[in-house]
């Protein structure tokens, strides 16, 4: 395996090259989930690296979720399945720590959420529209109940966004949008505590987007989503 998959590591950046070689082999499918990496001695000889450098590289790959290091007799480095969750891990940490500016977050959301609702408008069938209308009605009921039910409204809002993503039928969008939605409440609480006017405006935007999806108007759906994000971001930046 090692003679086909790995080569001597570049000595001027040996650590980075060891990590990159193993990572690329997993991503390209040369190493599959469940495959065991060659023994440490064999890897050292093939890559021509030290034990400490190799172990540190494997530790980094374990932290990335690409390997599982099993200890003891019969142990070693085993390849893990690459999941969509790994794609969004760093994004989740960036948003959760609120080290991303509001404007950068809004710019990113405009692209992702605009594309998601546009794809939903192309793919939605009758059952999808029924679901979207039910979730919109649920959100509307919480708005009617007033600001004491803002958390329930935001939960319904999140379910509606995730429904758009599932209708779009792209697992990357589902994973990324879940990460965004899981963290947006903390931004709202910090920068935009929602009163009744904000709740009603948010709901009105959602209703318009659902109507565009129902009418199979992807460009209109994208336009409405971007306008919604841009407007609410402006509200938040005033409080920043």
C-alpha atoms as a PDB file:
ATOM      1  CA  UNK A   1       0.000   0.000   0.000  1.00  0.00           C
ATOM      2  CA  UNK A   2       2.680   2.513   1.025  1.00  0.00           C
ATOM      3  CA  UNK A   3       4.666   2.349  -2.215  1.00  0.00           C
ATOM      4  CA  UNK A   4       1.513   3.153  -4.205  1.00  0.00           C
ATOM      5  CA  UNK A   5      -0.133   5.712  -1.951  1.00  0.00           C
ATOM      6  CA  UNK A   6       2.723   7.552  -0.229  1.00  0.00           C
ATOM      7  CA  UNK A   7       6.101   8.938  -1.277  1.00  0.00           C
ATOM      8  CA  UNK A   8       9.082  10.445   0.512  1.00  0.00           C
ATOM      9  CA  UNK A   9       7.886  13.584   2.268  1.00  0.00           C
ATOM     10  CA  UNK A  10       9.250  16.933   1.173  1.00  0.00           C
ATOM     11  CA  UNK A  11      11.992  17.632   3.682  1.00  0.00           C
ATOM     12  CA  UNK A  12      11.596  21.432   3.676  1.00  0.00           C
ATOM     13  CA  UNK A  13       8.044  21.127   5.047  1.00  0.00           C
ATOM     14  CA  UNK A  14       7.957  17.535   6.190  1.00  0.00           C
ATOM     15  CA  UNK A  15       5.208  17.773   8.803  1.00  0.00           C
ATOM     16  CA  UNK A  16       2.747  19.557   6.492  1.00  0.00           C
ATOM     17  CA  UNK A  17       3.530  17.147   3.662  1.00  0.00           C
ATOM     18  CA  UNK A  18       2.906  14.047   5.785  1.00  0.00           C
ATOM     19  CA  UNK A  19      -0.485  15.428   6.854  1.00  0.00           C
ATOM     20  CA  UNK A  20      -1.329  16.410   3.268  1.00  0.00           C
ATOM     21  CA  UNK A  21      -0.376  13.034   1.764  1.00  0.00           C
ATOM     22  CA  UNK A  22      -2.519  11.003   4.155  1.00  0.00           C
ATOM     23  CA  UNK A  23      -5.403  13.470   3.983  1.00  0.00           C
ATOM     24  CA  UNK A  24      -5.375  13.533   0.173  1.00  0.00           C
ATOM     25  CA  UNK A  25      -5.293   9.731   0.011  1.00  0.00           C
ATOM     26  CA  UNK A  26      -8.444   9.615   2.168  1.00  0.00           C
ATOM     27  CA  UNK A  27     -10.238  12.353   0.228  1.00  0.00           C
ATOM     28  CA  UNK A  28      -9.395  10.754  -3.151  1.00  0.00           C
ATOM     29  CA  UNK A  29     -10.645   7.383  -1.911  1.00  0.00           C
ATOM     30  CA  UNK A  30      -7.284   5.599  -2.065  1.00  0.00           C
ATOM     31  CA  UNK A  31      -7.840   4.919   1.614  1.00  0.00           C
ATOM     32  CA  UNK A  32     -11.368   3.881   2.545  1.00  0.00           C
ATOM     33  CA  UNK A  33     -13.248   4.021   5.838  1.00  0.00           C
ATOM     34  CA  UNK A  34     -12.078   1.100   7.964  1.00  0.00           C
ATOM     35  CA  UNK A  35      -8.697   0.777   6.239  1.00  0.00           C
ATOM     36  CA  UNK A  36      -5.767   0.549   8.604  1.00  0.00           C
ATOM     37  CA  UNK A  37      -2.695   2.643   7.855  1.00  0.00           C
ATOM     38  CA  UNK A  38       0.593   0.753   7.558  1.00  0.00           C
ATOM     39  CA  UNK A  39       2.543   0.175  10.755  1.00  0.00           C
ATOM     40  CA  UNK A  40       4.446   3.137  12.168  1.00  0.00           C
ATOM     41  CA  UNK A  41       7.839   1.689  11.167  1.00  0.00           C
ATOM     42  CA  UNK A  42       6.724   1.149   7.575  1.00  0.00           C
ATOM     43  CA  UNK A  43       5.267   4.659   7.323  1.00  0.00           C
ATOM     44  CA  UNK A  44       8.448   6.163   8.748  1.00  0.00           C
ATOM     45  CA  UNK A  45      10.582   4.365   6.175  1.00  0.00           C
ATOM     46  CA  UNK A  46       8.315   5.249   3.242  1.00  0.00           C
ATOM     47  CA  UNK A  47       7.876   8.891   4.187  1.00  0.00           C
ATOM     48  CA  UNK A  48      11.409   9.173   5.585  1.00  0.00           C
ATOM     49  CA  UNK A  49      10.294  11.083   8.628  1.00  0.00           C
ATOM     50  CA  UNK A  50      10.914  10.844  12.357  1.00  0.00           C
ATOM     51  CA  UNK A  51       8.631   9.017  14.774  1.00  0.00           C
ATOM     52  CA  UNK A  52       7.724  12.266  16.548  1.00  0.00           C
ATOM     53  CA  UNK A  53       6.789  14.036  13.293  1.00  0.00           C
ATOM     54  CA  UNK A  54       4.718  11.072  12.125  1.00  0.00           C
ATOM     55  CA  UNK A  55       2.870  10.782  15.445  1.00  0.00           C
ATOM     56  CA  UNK A  56       2.129  14.501  15.492  1.00  0.00           C
ATOM     57  CA  UNK A  57       0.798  14.323  11.922  1.00  0.00           C
ATOM     58  CA  UNK A  58      -1.468  11.394  12.839  1.00  0.00           C
ATOM     59  CA  UNK A  59      -2.701  13.293  15.899  1.00  0.00           C
ATOM     60  CA  UNK A  60      -3.669  16.260  13.698  1.00  0.00           C
ATOM     61  CA  UNK A  61      -5.528  13.951  11.318  1.00  0.00           C
ATOM     62  CA  UNK A  62      -7.311  12.390  14.292  1.00  0.00           C
ATOM     63  CA  UNK A  63      -8.397  15.867  15.449  1.00  0.00           C
ATOM     64  CA  UNK A  64      -9.743  16.532  11.954  1.00  0.00           C
ATOM     65  CA  UNK A  65     -11.871  13.415  12.273  1.00  0.00           C
ATOM     66  CA  UNK A  66     -10.131  11.586   9.433  1.00  0.00           C
ATOM     67  CA  UNK A  67      -8.415   8.933  11.552  1.00  0.00           C
ATOM     68  CA  UNK A  68      -9.082   6.999  14.721  1.00  0.00           C
ATOM     69  CA  UNK A  69      -5.959   6.049  16.684  1.00  0.00           C
ATOM     70  CA  UNK A  70      -6.482   2.743  18.443  1.00  0.00           C
ATOM     71  CA  UNK A  71      -4.135   1.965  21.310  1.00  0.00           C
ATOM     72  CA  UNK A  72      -2.719  -1.337  22.553  1.00  0.00           C
ATOM     73  CA  UNK A  73      -2.133  -4.666  20.861  1.00  0.00           C
ATOM     74  CA  UNK A  74      -3.544  -4.721  17.366  1.00  0.00           C
ATOM     75  CA  UNK A  75      -3.977  -0.970  17.456  1.00  0.00           C
ATOM     76  CA  UNK A  76      -2.950   1.627  14.911  1.00  0.00           C
ATOM     77  CA  UNK A  77      -4.401   4.391  12.755  1.00  0.00           C
ATOM     78  CA  UNK A  78      -7.743   3.515  11.127  1.00  0.00           C
ATOM     79  CA  UNK A  79      -9.452   5.656   8.463  1.00  0.00           C
ATOM     80  CA  UNK A  80     -12.826   7.104   9.456  1.00  0.00           C
ATOM     81  CA  UNK A  81     -15.693   7.870   7.104  1.00  0.00           C
ATOM     82  CA  UNK A  82     -15.714  11.490   5.916  1.00  0.00           C
ATOM     83  CA  UNK A  83     -19.015  13.009   6.993  1.00  0.00           C
ATOM     84  CA  UNK A  84     -20.741  16.266   6.131  1.00  0.00           C
ATOM     85  CA  UNK A  85     -20.380  17.309   9.767  1.00  0.00           C
ATOM     86  CA  UNK A  86     -16.613  17.603   9.286  1.00  0.00           C
ATOM     87  CA  UNK A  87     -17.169  20.124   6.504  1.00  0.00           C
ATOM     88  CA  UNK A  88     -18.860  22.540   8.891  1.00  0.00           C
ATOM     89  CA  UNK A  89     -16.862  21.990  12.086  1.00  0.00           C
ATOM     90  CA  UNK A  90     -14.585  24.998  11.613  1.00  0.00           C
ATOM     91  CA  UNK A  91     -17.480  27.153  10.426  1.00  0.00           C
ATOM     92  CA  UNK A  92     -19.423  26.251  13.561  1.00  0.00           C
ATOM     93  CA  UNK A  93     -16.533  27.305  15.804  1.00  0.00           C
ATOM     94  CA  UNK A  94     -16.039  30.593  13.957  1.00  0.00           C
ATOM     95  CA  UNK A  95     -19.703  31.555  14.179  1.00  0.00           C
ATOM     96  CA  UNK A  96     -20.152  30.277  17.740  1.00  0.00           C
ATOM     97  CA  UNK A  97     -17.198  32.327  18.984  1.00  0.00           C
ATOM     98  CA  UNK A  98     -18.699  35.369  17.205  1.00  0.00           C
ATOM     99  CA  UNK A  99     -15.304  36.133  15.666  1.00  0.00           C
ATOM    100  CA  UNK A 100     -17.003  36.583  12.304  1.00  0.00           C
ATOM    101  CA  UNK A 101     -18.239  40.115  11.718  1.00  0.00           C
ATOM    102  CA  UNK A 102     -21.949  40.666  11.208  1.00  0.00           C
ATOM    103  CA  UNK A 103     -21.336  41.941   7.676  1.00  0.00           C
ATOM    104  CA  UNK A 104     -19.224  38.915   6.741  1.00  0.00           C
ATOM    105  CA  UNK A 105     -21.816  36.569   8.209  1.00  0.00           C
ATOM    106  CA  UNK A 106     -24.611  38.345   6.304  1.00  0.00           C
ATOM    107  CA  UNK A 107     -22.619  38.247   3.067  1.00  0.00           C
ATOM    108  CA  UNK A 108     -22.062  34.510   3.491  1.00  0.00           C
ATOM    109  CA  UNK A 109     -25.709  33.876   4.383  1.00  0.00           C
ATOM    110  CA  UNK A 110     -26.935  35.830   1.354  1.00  0.00           C
ATOM    111  CA  UNK A 111     -25.039  33.485  -0.925  1.00  0.00           C
ATOM    112  CA  UNK A 112     -25.929  30.229   0.843  1.00  0.00           C
ATOM    113  CA  UNK A 113     -29.555  30.966   1.755  1.00  0.00           C
ATOM    114  CA  UNK A 114     -30.238  32.674  -1.553  1.00  0.00           C
ATOM    115  CA  UNK A 115     -29.053  29.589  -3.429  1.00  0.00           C
ATOM    116  CA  UNK A 116     -30.974  27.256  -1.118  1.00  0.00           C
ATOM    117  CA  UNK A 117     -34.378  28.901  -1.635  1.00  0.00           C
ATOM    118  CA  UNK A 118     -33.711  29.210  -5.370  1.00  0.00           C
ATOM    119  CA  UNK A 119     -33.040  25.465  -5.590  1.00  0.00           C
ATOM    120  CA  UNK A 120     -36.093  24.809  -3.428  1.00  0.00           C
ATOM    121  CA  UNK A 121     -38.194  26.803  -5.891  1.00  0.00           C
ATOM    122  CA  UNK A 122     -36.925  24.563  -8.691  1.00  0.00           C
ATOM    123  CA  UNK A 123     -37.396  21.254  -6.865  1.00  0.00           C
ATOM    124  CA  UNK A 124     -40.460  21.727  -4.644  1.00  0.00           C
ATOM    125  CA  UNK A 125     -43.390  19.398  -5.220  1.00  0.00           C
ATOM    126  CA  UNK A 126     -46.906  19.519  -3.775  1.00  0.00           C
ATOM    127  CA  UNK A 127     -45.910  17.738  -0.562  1.00  0.00           C
ATOM    128  CA  UNK A 128     -43.013  20.154  -0.054  1.00  0.00           C
ATOM    129  CA  UNK A 129     -45.301  23.171  -0.447  1.00  0.00           C
ATOM    130  CA  UNK A 130     -47.752  21.684   2.046  1.00  0.00           C
ATOM    131  CA  UNK A 131     -44.917  21.316   4.569  1.00  0.00           C
ATOM    132  CA  UNK A 132     -43.664  24.880   4.009  1.00  0.00           C
ATOM    133  CA  UNK A 133     -47.154  26.289   4.481  1.00  0.00           C
ATOM    134  CA  UNK A 134     -47.642  24.291   7.664  1.00  0.00           C
ATOM    135  CA  UNK A 135     -44.350  25.565   9.100  1.00  0.00           C
ATOM    136  CA  UNK A 136     -45.203  29.134   8.068  1.00  0.00           C
ATOM    137  CA  UNK A 137     -48.564  28.824   9.806  1.00  0.00           C
ATOM    138  CA  UNK A 138     -46.802  27.513  12.912  1.00  0.00           C
ATOM    139  CA  UNK A 139     -44.446  30.503  12.891  1.00  0.00           C
ATOM    140  CA  UNK A 140     -47.417  32.823  12.376  1.00  0.00           C
ATOM    141  CA  UNK A 141     -49.230  31.368  15.366  1.00  0.00           C
ATOM    142  CA  UNK A 142     -46.283  32.197  17.625  1.00  0.00           C
ATOM    143  CA  UNK A 143     -46.133  35.736  16.241  1.00  0.00           C
ATOM    144  CA  UNK A 144     -49.819  36.149  17.089  1.00  0.00           C
ATOM    145  CA  UNK A 145     -49.082  35.005  20.648  1.00  0.00           C
ATOM    146  CA  UNK A 146     -46.618  37.856  21.061  1.00  0.00           C
ATOM    147  CA  UNK A 147     -43.020  38.424  22.151  1.00  0.00           C
ATOM    148  CA  UNK A 148     -43.237  35.956  25.047  1.00  0.00           C
ATOM    149  CA  UNK A 149     -43.135  33.233  22.376  1.00  0.00           C
ATOM    150  CA  UNK A 150     -40.149  34.591  20.447  1.00  0.00           C
ATOM    151  CA  UNK A 151     -38.036  31.483  21.109  1.00  0.00           C
ATOM    152  CA  UNK A 152     -40.780  29.247  19.737  1.00  0.00           C
ATOM    153  CA  UNK A 153     -41.033  31.501  16.688  1.00  0.00           C
ATOM    154  CA  UNK A 154     -37.273  31.279  16.122  1.00  0.00           C
ATOM    155  CA  UNK A 155     -37.468  27.489  16.412  1.00  0.00           C
ATOM    156  CA  UNK A 156     -40.239  27.426  13.787  1.00  0.00           C
ATOM    157  CA  UNK A 157     -38.177  29.796  11.638  1.00  0.00           C
ATOM    158  CA  UNK A 158     -35.221  27.411  11.883  1.00  0.00           C
ATOM    159  CA  UNK A 159     -37.393  24.428  10.887  1.00  0.00           C
ATOM    160  CA  UNK A 160     -38.590  26.370   7.861  1.00  0.00           C
ATOM    161  CA  UNK A 161     -35.040  27.181   6.750  1.00  0.00           C
ATOM    162  CA  UNK A 162     -34.014  23.543   7.165  1.00  0.00           C
ATOM    163  CA  UNK A 163     -37.044  22.491   5.119  1.00  0.00           C
ATOM    164  CA  UNK A 164     -35.848  24.744   2.293  1.00  0.00           C
ATOM    165  CA  UNK A 165     -32.424  23.080   2.472  1.00  0.00           C
ATOM    166  CA  UNK A 166     -33.862  19.554   2.370  1.00  0.00           C
ATOM    167  CA  UNK A 167     -36.052  20.458  -0.600  1.00  0.00           C
ATOM    168  CA  UNK A 168     -32.925  21.792  -2.347  1.00  0.00           C
ATOM    169  CA  UNK A 169     -31.550  18.219  -2.104  1.00  0.00           C
ATOM    170  CA  UNK A 170     -27.911  19.144  -1.496  1.00  0.00           C
ATOM    171  CA  UNK A 171     -26.311  17.618   1.643  1.00  0.00           C
ATOM    172  CA  UNK A 172     -23.665  20.364   1.809  1.00  0.00           C
ATOM    173  CA  UNK A 173     -26.307  23.072   1.978  1.00  0.00           C
ATOM    174  CA  UNK A 174     -28.192  21.099   4.638  1.00  0.00           C
ATOM    175  CA  UNK A 175     -25.082  20.803   6.796  1.00  0.00           C
ATOM    176  CA  UNK A 176     -23.947  24.401   6.325  1.00  0.00           C
ATOM    177  CA  UNK A 177     -27.406  25.865   6.867  1.00  0.00           C
ATOM    178  CA  UNK A 178     -27.868  23.824  10.041  1.00  0.00           C
ATOM    179  CA  UNK A 179     -24.616  25.276  11.378  1.00  0.00           C
ATOM    180  CA  UNK A 180     -25.761  28.809  10.573  1.00  0.00           C
ATOM    181  CA  UNK A 181     -29.222  28.345  12.037  1.00  0.00           C
ATOM    182  CA  UNK A 182     -27.904  26.679  15.198  1.00  0.00           C
ATOM    183  CA  UNK A 183     -25.884  29.810  15.943  1.00  0.00           C
ATOM    184  CA  UNK A 184     -28.085  32.674  14.759  1.00  0.00           C
ATOM    185  CA  UNK A 185     -30.161  32.883  17.949  1.00  0.00           C
ATOM    186  CA  UNK A 186     -27.096  33.984  19.928  1.00  0.00           C
ATOM    187  CA  UNK A 187     -26.549  36.796  17.404  1.00  0.00           C
ATOM    188  CA  UNK A 188     -30.173  37.882  17.666  1.00  0.00           C
ATOM    189  CA  UNK A 189     -30.019  37.908  21.465  1.00  0.00           C
ATOM    190  CA  UNK A 190     -26.851  39.981  21.439  1.00  0.00           C
ATOM    191  CA  UNK A 191     -27.635  42.412  18.632  1.00  0.00           C
ATOM    192  CA  UNK A 192     -31.376  42.250  17.934  1.00  0.00           C
ATOM    193  CA  UNK A 193     -33.751  41.300  20.748  1.00  0.00           C
ATOM    194  CA  UNK A 194     -36.947  40.791  18.756  1.00  0.00           C
ATOM    195  CA  UNK A 195     -40.042  42.815  19.563  1.00  0.00           C
ATOM    196  CA  UNK A 196     -43.430  42.450  17.942  1.00  0.00           C
ATOM    197  CA  UNK A 197     -42.564  44.619  14.890  1.00  0.00           C
ATOM    198  CA  UNK A 198     -39.463  42.502  14.138  1.00  0.00           C
ATOM    199  CA  UNK A 199     -41.415  39.275  14.554  1.00  0.00           C
ATOM    200  CA  UNK A 200     -44.141  40.427  12.175  1.00  0.00           C
ATOM    201  CA  UNK A 201     -41.633  41.678   9.603  1.00  0.00           C
ATOM    202  CA  UNK A 202     -39.673  38.419   9.793  1.00  0.00           C
ATOM    203  CA  UNK A 203     -42.861  36.411   9.284  1.00  0.00           C
ATOM    204  CA  UNK A 204     -43.938  38.558   6.343  1.00  0.00           C
ATOM    205  CA  UNK A 205     -40.603  37.905   4.642  1.00  0.00           C
ATOM    206  CA  UNK A 206     -40.940  34.158   5.195  1.00  0.00           C
ATOM    207  CA  UNK A 207     -44.453  34.141   3.728  1.00  0.00           C
ATOM    208  CA  UNK A 208     -43.217  35.940   0.602  1.00  0.00           C
ATOM    209  CA  UNK A 209     -40.336  33.496   0.147  1.00  0.00           C
ATOM    210  CA  UNK A 210     -42.660  30.502   0.499  1.00  0.00           C
ATOM    211  CA  UNK A 211     -44.990  32.010  -2.117  1.00  0.00           C
ATOM    212  CA  UNK A 212     -42.053  32.419  -4.518  1.00  0.00           C
ATOM    213  CA  UNK A 213     -41.039  28.797  -3.922  1.00  0.00           C
ATOM    214  CA  UNK A 214     -44.629  27.661  -4.476  1.00  0.00           C
ATOM    215  CA  UNK A 215     -44.738  29.618  -7.752  1.00  0.00           C
ATOM    216  CA  UNK A 216     -41.436  28.021  -8.807  1.00  0.00           C
ATOM    217  CA  UNK A 217     -39.731  31.427  -9.125  1.00  0.00           C
ATOM    218  CA  UNK A 218     -36.088  30.788  -8.130  1.00  0.00           C
ATOM    219  CA  UNK A 219     -34.830  34.274  -8.961  1.00  0.00           C
ATOM    220  CA  UNK A 220     -37.602  35.910  -6.940  1.00  0.00           C
ATOM    221  CA  UNK A 221     -37.024  33.548  -4.016  1.00  0.00           C
ATOM    222  CA  UNK A 222     -33.296  34.315  -4.041  1.00  0.00           C
ATOM    223  CA  UNK A 223     -33.943  38.070  -4.241  1.00  0.00           C
ATOM    224  CA  UNK A 224     -36.361  37.984  -1.293  1.00  0.00           C
ATOM    225  CA  UNK A 225     -34.004  35.911   0.857  1.00  0.00           C
ATOM    226  CA  UNK A 226     -31.095  38.264   0.191  1.00  0.00           C
ATOM    227  CA  UNK A 227     -33.189  41.337   0.932  1.00  0.00           C
ATOM    228  CA  UNK A 228     -34.393  39.795   4.190  1.00  0.00           C
ATOM    229  CA  UNK A 229     -30.867  38.980   5.371  1.00  0.00           C
ATOM    230  CA  UNK A 230     -29.530  42.380   4.309  1.00  0.00           C
ATOM    231  CA  UNK A 231     -32.306  44.274   6.098  1.00  0.00           C
ATOM    232  CA  UNK A 232     -32.070  42.363   9.372  1.00  0.00           C
ATOM    233  CA  UNK A 233     -28.291  42.619   9.294  1.00  0.00           C
ATOM    234  CA  UNK A 234     -28.673  46.395   9.047  1.00  0.00           C
ATOM    235  CA  UNK A 235     -30.844  46.305  12.174  1.00  0.00           C
ATOM    236  CA  UNK A 236     -28.180  44.323  14.027  1.00  0.00           C
ATOM    237  CA  UNK A 237     -25.227  46.470  12.938  1.00  0.00           C
ATOM    238  CA  UNK A 238     -26.961  49.505  14.421  1.00  0.00           C
ATOM    239  CA  UNK A 239     -26.751  47.816  17.818  1.00  0.00           C
ATOM    240  CA  UNK A 240     -23.212  46.444  17.362  1.00  0.00           C
END
